[in-house]
Amino acid sequence: MQTELSKKLGIEHAIFGFTPFPAVAAAISRAGGFGVLGAVRYTAPDDLKHDLDWLEAHVEGMPYGLDVVMPAKKVEGVTEAEVEAMIPEGHRQFVTETLAKYGVPELAEGEVSGWRITGWMEQVARNQLDVAFDYPIKLLANALGSPPADVVARAHDHNVLVAALAGSARHARKHAEGGIDIVVAQGYEAGGHTGEIASMVLTPEVVEAVDPLPVLAAGGIGSGQQVAAALSLGAQGVWLGSIWLTTTEADMHSPALTRKLLAAGSGDTVRSRALTGKPARQLRTEWTDAWDDTDGPGTLPMPLQGLLVAEAVSRIQKYEVDPLLGTPVGQIVGRMNSERSVQAVFDDLTRGFEHAVDRVNRIAGRSGQ
């Protein structure tokens, strides 16, 4: 699975793996792909430094990258406390009532929520970059599109390529105009923040829109046959996220959540604003249903929604409250029906890719060439 981009980055397979788990990112890079560590959960720079130290020690010299979340437009002088003060009391009450309805226990006295979406705030991401650029990362990706121009310039000064996710050809063109090196065309099927256009339509549109910039296809990809399809549409690689959640290296901290992922079908996800305030595909649960119910107060814009539900999500996860327990995941969850190592996933992807290419060669009358 070699492309011009994979050769440029020195990787064996044009498979880019996004993950919040350092062990998964390292295993992806060791398997011949390109591991990308999600930074949004690292609100303390020292925590990110600790995990980048670990990652650097376990990739065996192979390249890796970092994914941050920051808006293109800079907002000055706004603190987290000031943002949190904007949350209406009615929304806080709705969270309290919903948790009480399902008997979700309180956190222990003095225990702080372990799940904060402060990573959506620009200054947190900038602090992460202050740490990351001290490491030999080869790629900086931004989940909210093009990062600010000064961040792009800073990355280029460190010889770091910059990637940005796009849900439409229009967004992709803006990324190209902003100096982005790689566009990730993320289709409707993807987990997390995603747009309205399916991958089969989106990928070739983005490839044409930003030519000659390389494009990675994302969304609904979890087999070698789908990788082959993405490359045939003009992508120079694939960006996979959900498929790694049920690998043995993933540290989900929740056997119940892993069981739900393994049991879920491709129709068991929903695009909901419940988690962050922006549409994000995730497991459908009674928590997402409550927020999407027209009788409820409705969700708040980012980052207010993430701050509002942070402690609630921590409680749901800690106590594994099954009806409410979920996570961002794409429609490919229907293929995630067993726990496998990252290497086993790569073996499956490469075998499927070879079979798909052989099949197309037979159809085209090129068998054996």
Protein backbone atom coordinates (compact mmCIF):
# COMPACT_ATOMS: atom_id res chain seq x y z
CA MET A 1 0.00 0.00 0.00
CA GLN A 2 2.60 2.50 -1.16
CA THR A 3 1.75 5.98 -2.43
CA GLU A 4 3.76 9.11 -3.04
CA LEU A 5 2.76 10.38 0.42
CA SER A 6 3.65 7.16 2.25
CA LYS A 7 7.07 7.16 0.56
CA LYS A 8 7.60 10.79 1.56
CA LEU A 9 6.90 9.94 5.20
CA GLY A 10 8.91 6.72 5.15
CA ILE A 11 6.08 4.33 6.04
CA GLU A 12 5.34 0.92 4.55
CA HIS A 13 1.56 1.28 4.28
CA ALA A 14 -0.46 4.41 3.50
CA ILE A 15 -2.55 3.87 6.63
CA PHE A 16 -2.80 6.74 9.12
CA GLY A 17 -4.24 5.74 12.48
CA PHE A 18 -5.78 8.32 14.79
CA THR A 19 -6.10 7.24 18.42
CA PRO A 20 -6.24 8.71 21.94
CA PHE A 21 -4.06 5.84 23.21
CA PRO A 22 -0.23 6.08 23.03
CA ALA A 23 0.13 2.28 22.97
CA VAL A 24 -2.12 2.07 19.91
CA ALA A 25 -0.30 4.92 18.14
CA ALA A 26 3.06 3.23 18.75
CA ALA A 27 1.76 -0.14 17.53
CA ILE A 28 0.37 1.47 14.35
CA SER A 29 3.75 3.01 13.55
CA ARG A 30 5.59 -0.24 14.33
CA ALA A 31 3.20 -2.14 12.04
CA GLY A 32 4.22 0.05 9.11
CA GLY A 33 1.51 2.69 9.29
CA PHE A 34 1.54 6.19 10.73
CA GLY A 35 0.31 6.57 14.32
CA VAL A 36 -1.35 9.87 15.22
CA LEU A 37 -1.94 10.57 18.92
CA GLY A 38 -5.06 12.58 19.77
CA ALA A 39 -4.13 15.39 22.15
CA VAL A 40 -7.53 16.75 23.16
CA ARG A 41 -7.60 15.00 26.54
CA TYR A 42 -4.22 16.40 27.62
CA THR A 43 -5.19 19.54 29.53
CA ALA A 44 -1.90 19.47 31.46
CA PRO A 45 1.26 19.89 29.34
CA ASP A 46 3.23 17.57 31.63
CA ASP A 47 0.78 14.74 30.91
CA LEU A 48 1.29 15.15 27.18
CA LYS A 49 5.06 15.28 27.66
CA HIS A 50 4.93 12.05 29.66
CA ASP A 51 3.05 10.21 26.92
CA LEU A 52 5.16 11.64 24.10
CA ASP A 53 8.25 10.45 25.98
CA TRP A 54 6.68 6.99 26.13
CA LEU A 55 5.66 7.11 22.47
CA GLU A 56 9.12 8.18 21.34
CA ALA A 57 10.59 5.24 23.24
CA HIS A 58 8.19 2.68 21.71
CA VAL A 59 7.83 3.55 18.01
CA GLU A 60 11.20 1.95 17.24
CA GLY A 61 12.31 4.94 15.21
CA MET A 62 9.21 5.01 13.03
CA PRO A 63 7.38 8.31 12.34
CA TYR A 64 4.31 9.50 14.22
CA GLY A 65 2.17 12.62 14.57
CA LEU A 66 -0.18 14.57 16.82
CA ASP A 67 -3.82 15.60 16.39
CA VAL A 68 -5.07 18.77 18.11
CA VAL A 69 -8.39 20.60 18.15
CA MET A 70 -8.28 24.34 17.62
CA PRO A 71 -10.33 26.89 15.68
CA ALA A 72 -8.89 28.86 12.77
CA LYS A 73 -9.96 32.16 14.36
CA LYS A 74 -8.19 33.26 17.51
CA VAL A 75 -10.19 34.45 20.52
CA GLU A 76 -8.24 36.55 23.01
CA GLY A 77 -8.67 36.93 26.76
CA VAL A 78 -11.43 34.42 27.49
CA THR A 79 -10.85 32.09 30.44
CA GLU A 80 -12.42 28.70 31.03
CA ALA A 81 -14.27 30.08 34.07
CA GLU A 82 -15.76 32.88 31.98
CA VAL A 83 -16.88 30.43 29.32
CA GLU A 84 -18.38 28.06 31.90
CA ALA A 85 -20.33 30.96 33.44
CA MET A 86 -22.24 31.24 30.15
CA ILE A 87 -23.95 27.87 30.69
CA PRO A 88 -27.68 28.39 31.48
CA GLU A 89 -28.94 27.05 34.79
CA GLY A 90 -31.74 25.17 33.01
CA HIS A 91 -29.20 23.06 31.15
CA ARG A 92 -27.36 22.26 34.37
CA GLN A 93 -30.65 21.16 35.90
CA PHE A 94 -31.40 18.94 32.91
CA VAL A 95 -28.07 17.14 33.40
CA THR A 96 -28.78 16.67 37.12
CA GLU A 97 -32.26 15.28 36.47
CA THR A 98 -31.12 12.93 33.72
CA LEU A 99 -28.34 11.45 35.84
CA ALA A 100 -30.72 11.06 38.78
CA LYS A 101 -33.26 9.28 36.55
CA TYR A 102 -30.70 6.57 35.79
CA GLY A 103 -29.26 6.42 39.30
CA VAL A 104 -25.78 7.59 38.33
CA PRO A 105 -23.71 7.94 41.54
CA GLU A 106 -21.86 11.12 42.41
CA LEU A 107 -18.07 11.26 42.20
CA ALA A 108 -16.29 10.76 45.51
CA GLU A 109 -15.76 13.88 47.59
CA GLY A 110 -12.77 15.80 46.25
CA GLU A 111 -12.59 13.71 43.08
CA VAL A 112 -12.19 15.81 39.95
CA SER A 113 -13.80 14.94 36.65
CA GLY A 114 -11.32 13.04 34.53
CA TRP A 115 -13.00 14.02 31.28
CA ARG A 116 -12.75 17.66 30.28
CA ILE A 117 -13.26 19.17 26.85
CA THR A 118 -11.08 22.16 27.64
CA GLY A 119 -8.92 20.83 24.82
CA TRP A 120 -11.42 22.44 22.48
CA MET A 121 -10.20 25.82 23.75
CA GLU A 122 -7.43 27.35 21.66
CA GLN A 123 -4.97 28.17 24.43
CA VAL A 124 -4.97 24.57 25.62
CA ALA A 125 -4.07 23.42 22.11
CA ARG A 126 -1.33 26.04 21.88
CA ASN A 127 0.14 24.76 25.16
CA GLN A 128 0.08 21.26 23.68
CA LEU A 129 2.02 22.49 20.65
CA ASP A 130 4.64 24.09 22.89
CA VAL A 131 5.33 20.57 24.14
CA ALA A 132 4.89 18.70 20.84
CA PHE A 133 7.37 20.71 18.82
CA ASP A 134 10.13 19.55 21.17
CA TYR A 135 9.58 16.04 19.75
CA PRO A 136 10.33 14.73 16.24
CA ILE A 137 6.68 14.61 15.16
CA LYS A 138 6.25 14.45 11.39
CA LEU A 139 2.61 15.50 11.14
CA LEU A 140 0.28 17.90 12.91
CA ALA A 141 -3.43 17.34 12.24
CA ASN A 142 -6.29 19.58 13.27
CA ALA A 143 -9.75 18.10 13.73
CA LEU A 144 -11.54 21.44 13.29
CA GLY A 145 -10.08 22.27 9.90
CA SER A 146 -7.23 24.65 9.19
CA PRO A 147 -5.37 25.78 12.32
CA PRO A 148 -4.45 29.47 12.65
CA ALA A 149 -1.93 30.71 10.09
CA ASP A 150 0.80 31.22 12.69
CA VAL A 151 0.46 27.58 13.79
CA VAL A 152 0.82 26.38 10.20
CA ALA A 153 3.93 28.53 9.81
CA ARG A 154 5.38 27.28 13.08
CA ALA A 155 4.84 23.66 12.05
CA HIS A 156 6.54 24.27 8.72
CA ASP A 157 9.46 25.89 10.52
CA HIS A 158 9.86 22.56 12.34
CA ASN A 159 9.56 20.59 9.06
CA VAL A 160 6.22 19.21 10.24
CA LEU A 161 3.48 18.58 7.67
CA VAL A 162 0.05 19.96 8.52
CA ALA A 163 -3.19 18.08 7.85
CA ALA A 164 -6.74 19.33 8.25
CA LEU A 165 -10.05 17.50 8.18
CA ALA A 166 -12.67 18.57 5.63
CA GLY A 167 -16.29 17.53 5.18
CA SER A 168 -16.81 19.21 1.81
CA ALA A 169 -14.86 20.31 -1.25
CA ARG A 170 -15.47 23.92 -0.24
CA HIS A 171 -13.80 23.36 3.13
CA ALA A 172 -10.93 21.54 1.43
CA ARG A 173 -10.25 24.47 -0.91
CA LYS A 174 -10.03 26.80 2.10
CA HIS A 175 -7.50 24.46 3.68
CA ALA A 176 -5.41 24.47 0.52
CA GLU A 177 -5.52 28.28 0.42
CA GLY A 178 -4.35 28.33 4.05
CA GLY A 179 -1.16 26.42 3.29
CA ILE A 180 -2.24 22.98 4.49
CA ASP A 181 -0.10 20.08 3.22
CA ILE A 182 -2.62 17.22 3.48
CA VAL A 183 -6.42 17.23 3.41
CA VAL A 184 -8.33 14.51 5.24
CA ALA A 185 -11.65 14.02 3.45
CA GLN A 186 -13.87 12.81 6.29
CA GLY A 187 -17.17 11.35 5.19
CA TYR A 188 -20.51 11.20 6.93
CA GLU A 189 -19.86 7.64 8.14
CA ALA A 190 -16.92 8.66 10.33
CA GLY A 191 -16.84 8.72 14.11
CA GLY A 192 -16.53 12.03 15.92
CA HIS A 193 -17.12 15.39 14.23
CA THR A 194 -18.29 14.83 10.69
CA GLY A 195 -20.29 16.49 7.96
CA GLU A 196 -23.17 15.54 5.68
CA ILE A 197 -21.45 13.96 2.64
CA ALA A 198 -20.65 10.24 2.36
CA SER A 199 -17.09 9.11 1.69
CA MET A 200 -17.76 7.64 -1.75
CA VAL A 201 -18.94 11.04 -2.96
CA LEU A 202 -16.67 13.23 -0.86
CA THR A 203 -13.28 11.66 -1.57
CA PRO A 204 -13.12 12.23 -5.35
CA GLU A 205 -14.63 15.71 -4.95
CA VAL A 206 -11.89 16.71 -2.51
CA VAL A 207 -9.16 15.08 -4.60
CA GLU A 208 -10.24 17.15 -7.59
CA ALA A 209 -10.69 20.33 -5.54
CA VAL A 210 -7.18 20.43 -4.03
CA ASP A 211 -5.09 18.72 -6.69
CA PRO A 212 -2.09 18.28 -6.45
CA LEU A 213 -2.25 18.21 -2.62
CA PRO A 214 -2.46 14.68 -1.20
CA VAL A 215 -5.80 13.58 0.23
CA LEU A 216 -6.48 10.96 2.90
CA ALA A 217 -9.89 9.27 2.85
CA ALA A 218 -11.70 8.88 6.18
CA GLY A 219 -15.07 7.56 7.27
CA GLY A 220 -16.48 4.06 6.94
CA ILE A 221 -13.10 2.45 6.22
CA GLY A 222 -12.14 -0.67 8.13
CA SER A 223 -11.19 -3.31 5.57
CA GLY A 224 -8.51 -3.72 2.94
CA GLN A 225 -11.15 -3.70 0.23
CA GLN A 226 -12.29 -0.28 1.43
CA VAL A 227 -8.68 0.94 1.47
CA ALA A 228 -8.35 -0.16 -2.15
CA ALA A 229 -11.57 1.67 -3.00
CA ALA A 230 -10.29 4.86 -1.36
CA LEU A 231 -7.02 4.76 -3.29
CA SER A 232 -8.88 4.08 -6.53
CA LEU A 233 -10.87 7.28 -5.88
CA GLY A 234 -7.64 9.26 -5.86
CA ALA A 235 -6.72 9.31 -2.16
CA GLN A 236 -3.06 8.84 -1.25
CA GLY A 237 -3.90 7.04 1.95
CA VAL A 238 -6.60 6.39 4.52
CA TRP A 239 -7.25 7.91 7.94
CA LEU A 240 -8.66 5.32 10.35
CA GLY A 241 -9.89 6.01 13.88
CA SER A 242 -12.76 3.84 15.07
CA ILE A 243 -11.25 0.50 14.10
CA TRP A 244 -8.55 0.80 16.79
CA LEU A 245 -11.00 1.18 19.71
CA THR A 246 -11.41 -2.58 20.13
CA THR A 247 -7.74 -3.49 19.72
CA THR A 248 -6.00 -5.18 22.61
CA GLU A 249 -3.65 -2.19 22.98
CA ALA A 250 -6.54 0.25 23.50
CA ASP A 251 -7.01 1.26 27.13
CA MET A 252 -10.76 1.89 27.23
CA HIS A 253 -10.94 1.57 31.06
CA SER A 254 -14.43 0.11 30.59
CA PRO A 255 -15.17 -3.56 29.86
CA ALA A 256 -18.84 -2.61 29.51
CA LEU A 257 -18.09 -0.07 26.79
CA THR A 258 -15.88 -2.53 24.92
CA ARG A 259 -18.71 -5.08 25.04
CA LYS A 260 -21.13 -2.48 23.63
CA LEU A 261 -18.76 -1.69 20.77
CA LEU A 262 -18.27 -5.36 19.93
CA ALA A 263 -22.03 -5.95 19.92
CA ALA A 264 -22.99 -2.83 17.93
CA GLY A 265 -24.05 -2.89 14.30
CA SER A 266 -23.41 -0.25 11.67
CA GLY A 267 -26.87 1.22 12.35
CA ASP A 268 -26.26 1.73 16.07
CA THR A 269 -24.58 5.13 15.82
CA VAL A 270 -26.03 8.63 15.58
CA ARG A 271 -24.76 12.11 14.74
CA SER A 272 -25.50 14.08 17.87
CA ARG A 273 -24.39 17.36 19.45
CA ALA A 274 -24.68 15.82 22.92
CA LEU A 275 -20.95 15.47 23.52
CA THR A 276 -19.40 18.71 22.28
CA GLY A 277 -22.07 20.94 20.76
CA LYS A 278 -21.05 20.07 17.20
CA PRO A 279 -22.49 17.09 15.27
CA ALA A 280 -20.37 14.08 16.20
CA ARG A 281 -21.08 10.45 15.33
CA GLN A 282 -21.18 8.21 18.40
CA LEU A 283 -22.93 5.19 19.80
CA ARG A 284 -26.62 5.88 20.15
CA THR A 285 -27.59 5.70 23.82
CA GLU A 286 -30.33 6.94 26.08
CA TRP A 287 -27.99 9.86 26.84
CA THR A 288 -27.87 10.96 23.18
CA ASP A 289 -31.62 10.35 22.89
CA ALA A 290 -32.26 12.63 25.88
CA TRP A 291 -30.29 15.49 24.33
CA ASP A 292 -31.85 15.02 20.91
CA ASP A 293 -35.39 14.89 22.33
CA THR A 294 -37.38 17.96 21.27
CA ASP A 295 -38.87 18.11 24.78
CA GLY A 296 -35.42 18.75 26.24
CA PRO A 297 -33.51 22.05 26.42
CA GLY A 298 -31.36 21.24 23.38
CA THR A 299 -27.58 21.28 23.22
CA LEU A 300 -25.33 24.31 23.63
CA PRO A 301 -22.69 25.45 21.14
CA MET A 302 -19.06 24.37 21.47
CA PRO A 303 -17.32 24.61 23.91
CA LEU A 304 -20.25 25.16 26.32
CA GLN A 305 -21.79 21.72 25.76
CA GLY A 306 -18.50 19.93 26.41
CA LEU A 307 -17.95 21.85 29.63
CA LEU A 308 -21.54 21.24 30.70
CA VAL A 309 -21.45 17.45 30.33
CA ALA A 310 -17.82 16.84 31.34
CA GLU A 311 -18.50 15.63 34.88
CA ALA A 312 -21.61 13.74 33.79
CA VAL A 313 -19.67 11.79 31.17
CA SER A 314 -16.99 10.99 33.75
CA ARG A 315 -19.61 9.63 36.13
CA ILE A 316 -21.32 7.59 33.42
CA GLN A 317 -18.00 6.08 32.37
CA LYS A 318 -16.65 5.48 35.88
CA TYR A 319 -19.77 3.65 37.03
CA GLU A 320 -20.42 2.04 33.62
CA VAL A 321 -24.07 3.06 33.53
CA ASP A 322 -25.00 0.91 30.56
CA PRO A 323 -28.03 2.76 29.11
CA LEU A 324 -26.04 6.02 28.99
CA LEU A 325 -22.59 4.62 28.21
CA GLY A 326 -21.22 5.56 24.80
CA THR A 327 -18.26 6.90 22.85
CA PRO A 328 -17.54 8.54 19.52
CA VAL A 329 -17.37 5.81 16.86
CA GLY A 330 -18.14 5.51 13.17
CA GLN A 331 -20.50 3.26 11.25
CA ILE A 332 -17.59 0.85 10.75
CA VAL A 333 -18.39 -0.33 14.30
CA GLY A 334 -20.39 -3.10 12.62
CA ARG A 335 -17.08 -4.72 11.59
CA MET A 336 -15.55 -4.35 15.05
CA ASN A 337 -16.84 -7.64 16.42
CA SER A 338 -13.71 -9.09 18.05
CA GLU A 339 -10.75 -7.86 20.06
CA ARG A 340 -7.57 -8.04 17.99
CA SER A 341 -4.07 -6.64 18.19
CA VAL A 342 -3.12 -3.66 16.04
CA GLN A 343 -0.83 -5.97 14.07
CA ALA A 344 -3.74 -8.36 13.42
CA VAL A 345 -5.79 -5.43 12.10
CA PHE A 346 -2.92 -4.52 9.76
CA ASP A 347 -2.62 -8.13 8.59
CA ASP A 348 -6.33 -8.14 7.78
CA LEU A 349 -6.11 -4.78 5.97
CA THR A 350 -3.16 -5.83 3.83
CA ARG A 351 -4.71 -9.21 2.91
CA GLY A 352 -8.00 -7.55 2.00
CA PHE A 353 -6.19 -4.93 -0.06
CA GLU A 354 -4.31 -7.60 -2.01
CA HIS A 355 -7.50 -9.56 -2.67
CA ALA A 356 -9.29 -6.43 -3.89
CA VAL A 357 -6.45 -5.48 -6.23
CA ASP A 358 -6.26 -9.04 -7.57
CA ARG A 359 -10.01 -9.04 -8.20
CA VAL A 360 -9.88 -5.76 -10.10
CA ASN A 361 -6.94 -7.05 -12.16
CA ARG A 362 -8.94 -10.15 -13.08
CA ILE A 363 -11.92 -8.03 -14.07
CA ALA A 364 -9.63 -5.86 -16.19
CA GLY A 365 -8.04 -8.93 -17.79
CA ARG A 366 -4.65 -8.33 -16.17
CA SER A 367 -4.48 -11.45 -14.00
CA GLY A 368 -0.91 -12.62 -13.43
CA GLN A 369 0.72 -9.43 -14.68
